[in-house]
Amino acid sequence: MKIASIVLIALGALLSVQGVLFKIQHWPDLFQSIISGPLMFASGFILLIVSVVRKRKAAD
């Protein structure tokens, strides 16, 4: 689960950067990446927090 969350964080960051670059250059497509990028980043970050909390509870 930790690897999946890191992959989601990386893909979300890449989509966000790509969407912003497309917006700066006034290209018509990929407006969805401006929205979906941060959502993927946030969901990956939440999964990472959940996996760390579960691991700490299992260690106790």
N, C-alpha and C. Protein backbone atom coordinates (compact mmCIF):
# COMPACT_ATOMS: atom_id res chain seq x y z
N MET A 1 0.83 -1.19 0.00
CA MET A 1 0.00 0.00 0.00
C MET A 1 0.87 1.25 0.00
N LYS A 2 2.05 1.15 0.62
CA LYS A 2 2.93 2.30 0.65
C LYS A 2 3.46 2.63 -0.75
N ILE A 3 3.77 1.60 -1.52
CA ILE A 3 4.27 1.83 -2.88
C ILE A 3 3.18 2.44 -3.76
N ALA A 4 1.96 1.96 -3.60
CA ALA A 4 0.85 2.51 -4.39
C ALA A 4 0.61 3.98 -4.06
N SER A 5 0.74 4.34 -2.79
CA SER A 5 0.53 5.74 -2.42
C SER A 5 1.64 6.62 -2.97
N ILE A 6 2.87 6.12 -2.97
CA ILE A 6 3.97 6.90 -3.53
C ILE A 6 3.80 7.08 -5.03
N VAL A 7 3.32 6.05 -5.71
CA VAL A 7 3.06 6.15 -7.15
C VAL A 7 1.95 7.17 -7.41
N LEU A 8 0.89 7.15 -6.61
CA LEU A 8 -0.19 8.13 -6.77
C LEU A 8 0.31 9.56 -6.54
N ILE A 9 1.16 9.74 -5.55
CA ILE A 9 1.71 11.07 -5.28
C ILE A 9 2.54 11.54 -6.47
N ALA A 10 3.38 10.67 -7.00
CA ALA A 10 4.23 11.04 -8.14
C ALA A 10 3.39 11.35 -9.37
N LEU A 11 2.41 10.51 -9.67
CA LEU A 11 1.56 10.77 -10.83
C LEU A 11 0.74 12.04 -10.66
N GLY A 12 0.26 12.28 -9.46
CA GLY A 12 -0.49 13.51 -9.21
C GLY A 12 0.36 14.75 -9.40
N ALA A 13 1.61 14.69 -8.93
CA ALA A 13 2.51 15.83 -9.11
C ALA A 13 2.82 16.04 -10.59
N LEU A 14 3.07 14.96 -11.31
CA LEU A 14 3.37 15.09 -12.74
C LEU A 14 2.18 15.63 -13.52
N LEU A 15 0.98 15.15 -13.21
CA LEU A 15 -0.21 15.66 -13.89
C LEU A 15 -0.45 17.14 -13.58
N SER A 16 -0.20 17.53 -12.35
CA SER A 16 -0.38 18.93 -11.98
C SER A 16 0.58 19.83 -12.75
N VAL A 17 1.84 19.43 -12.80
CA VAL A 17 2.83 20.23 -13.52
C VAL A 17 2.50 20.28 -15.01
N GLN A 18 2.11 19.15 -15.56
CA GLN A 18 1.76 19.10 -16.98
C GLN A 18 0.55 20.00 -17.27
N GLY A 19 -0.45 19.95 -16.42
CA GLY A 19 -1.62 20.79 -16.62
C GLY A 19 -1.31 22.27 -16.54
N VAL A 20 -0.44 22.64 -15.59
CA VAL A 20 -0.06 24.04 -15.46
C VAL A 20 0.75 24.49 -16.68
N LEU A 21 1.64 23.64 -17.15
CA LEU A 21 2.42 24.01 -18.33
C LEU A 21 1.53 24.16 -19.57
N PHE A 22 0.56 23.28 -19.72
CA PHE A 22 -0.37 23.42 -20.84
C PHE A 22 -1.18 24.70 -20.70
N LYS A 23 -1.54 25.05 -19.48
CA LYS A 23 -2.33 26.27 -19.27
C LYS A 23 -1.49 27.51 -19.55
N ILE A 24 -0.22 27.50 -19.16
CA ILE A 24 0.66 28.65 -19.41
C ILE A 24 0.85 28.87 -20.90
N GLN A 25 0.98 27.78 -21.65
CA GLN A 25 1.21 27.90 -23.08
C GLN A 25 -0.10 28.04 -23.88
N HIS A 26 -1.21 28.08 -23.19
CA HIS A 26 -2.54 28.27 -23.80
C HIS A 26 -2.90 27.16 -24.78
N TRP A 27 -2.47 25.94 -24.48
CA TRP A 27 -2.87 24.80 -25.29
C TRP A 27 -4.26 24.36 -24.84
N PRO A 28 -5.11 23.93 -25.78
CA PRO A 28 -6.51 23.70 -25.44
C PRO A 28 -6.80 22.45 -24.62
N ASP A 29 -5.98 21.42 -24.68
CA ASP A 29 -6.31 20.16 -24.04
C ASP A 29 -5.68 20.05 -22.66
N LEU A 30 -6.02 18.98 -21.99
CA LEU A 30 -5.48 18.58 -20.70
C LEU A 30 -5.87 19.51 -19.56
N PHE A 31 -7.02 20.16 -19.64
CA PHE A 31 -7.49 20.94 -18.50
C PHE A 31 -7.85 20.02 -17.34
N GLN A 32 -8.20 18.77 -17.65
CA GLN A 32 -8.56 17.81 -16.61
C GLN A 32 -7.39 17.51 -15.69
N SER A 33 -6.17 17.62 -16.18
CA SER A 33 -5.03 17.32 -15.33
C SER A 33 -4.82 18.36 -14.26
N ILE A 34 -5.31 19.57 -14.46
CA ILE A 34 -5.22 20.59 -13.42
C ILE A 34 -6.10 20.19 -12.24
N ILE A 35 -7.19 19.50 -12.52
CA ILE A 35 -8.10 19.06 -11.47
C ILE A 35 -7.72 17.67 -10.94
N SER A 36 -7.42 16.75 -11.84
CA SER A 36 -7.16 15.37 -11.41
C SER A 36 -5.79 15.21 -10.77
N GLY A 37 -4.83 16.04 -11.11
CA GLY A 37 -3.50 15.95 -10.52
C GLY A 37 -3.50 16.14 -9.01
N PRO A 38 -4.03 17.26 -8.52
CA PRO A 38 -4.08 17.44 -7.07
C PRO A 38 -4.95 16.41 -6.35
N LEU A 39 -6.01 15.93 -7.01
CA LEU A 39 -6.84 14.90 -6.39
C LEU A 39 -6.06 13.60 -6.22
N MET A 40 -5.29 13.22 -7.24
CA MET A 40 -4.45 12.03 -7.13
C MET A 40 -3.37 12.22 -6.07
N PHE A 41 -2.79 13.41 -6.02
CA PHE A 41 -1.76 13.70 -5.03
C PHE A 41 -2.33 13.60 -3.62
N ALA A 42 -3.50 14.17 -3.41
CA ALA A 42 -4.13 14.13 -2.08
C ALA A 42 -4.52 12.71 -1.68
N SER A 43 -5.06 11.94 -2.62
CA SER A 43 -5.44 10.57 -2.28
C SER A 43 -4.21 9.72 -1.98
N GLY A 44 -3.12 9.92 -2.70
CA GLY A 44 -1.89 9.21 -2.40
C GLY A 44 -1.32 9.59 -1.05
N PHE A 45 -1.41 10.86 -0.71
CA PHE A 45 -0.91 11.33 0.58
C PHE A 45 -1.75 10.76 1.72
N ILE A 46 -3.05 10.68 1.54
CA ILE A 46 -3.93 10.10 2.56
C ILE A 46 -3.63 8.61 2.73
N LEU A 47 -3.44 7.90 1.63
CA LEU A 47 -3.08 6.47 1.72
C LEU A 47 -1.74 6.28 2.42
N LEU A 48 -0.80 7.16 2.17
CA LEU A 48 0.50 7.07 2.83
C LEU A 48 0.37 7.27 4.34
N ILE A 49 -0.43 8.24 4.74
CA ILE A 49 -0.66 8.48 6.17
C ILE A 49 -1.33 7.27 6.82
N VAL A 50 -2.33 6.71 6.15
CA VAL A 50 -3.03 5.54 6.69
C VAL A 50 -2.08 4.36 6.84
N SER A 51 -1.22 4.13 5.87
CA SER A 51 -0.30 3.00 5.96
C SER A 51 0.73 3.20 7.07
N VAL A 52 1.18 4.42 7.28
CA VAL A 52 2.13 4.69 8.36
C VAL A 52 1.46 4.52 9.72
N VAL A 53 0.23 4.98 9.86
CA VAL A 53 -0.48 4.82 11.13
C VAL A 53 -0.75 3.35 11.43
N ARG A 54 -1.13 2.59 10.43
CA ARG A 54 -1.37 1.15 10.63
C ARG A 54 -0.09 0.43 11.03
N LYS A 55 1.02 0.82 10.42
CA LYS A 55 2.29 0.19 10.74
C LYS A 55 2.70 0.50 12.18
N ARG A 56 2.49 1.73 12.62
CA ARG A 56 2.83 2.11 13.99
C ARG A 56 1.94 1.39 15.01
N LYS A 57 0.65 1.24 14.68
CA LYS A 57 -0.25 0.52 15.59
C LYS A 57 0.09 -0.95 15.67
N ALA A 58 0.54 -1.53 14.56
CA ALA A 58 0.92 -2.94 14.56
C ALA A 58 2.21 -3.16 15.35
N ALA A 59 3.08 -2.17 15.38
CA ALA A 59 4.35 -2.29 16.11
C ALA A 59 4.12 -2.19 17.62
N ASP A 60 3.06 -1.52 18.04
CA ASP A 60 2.79 -1.37 19.48
C ASP A 60 2.19 -2.56 20.08
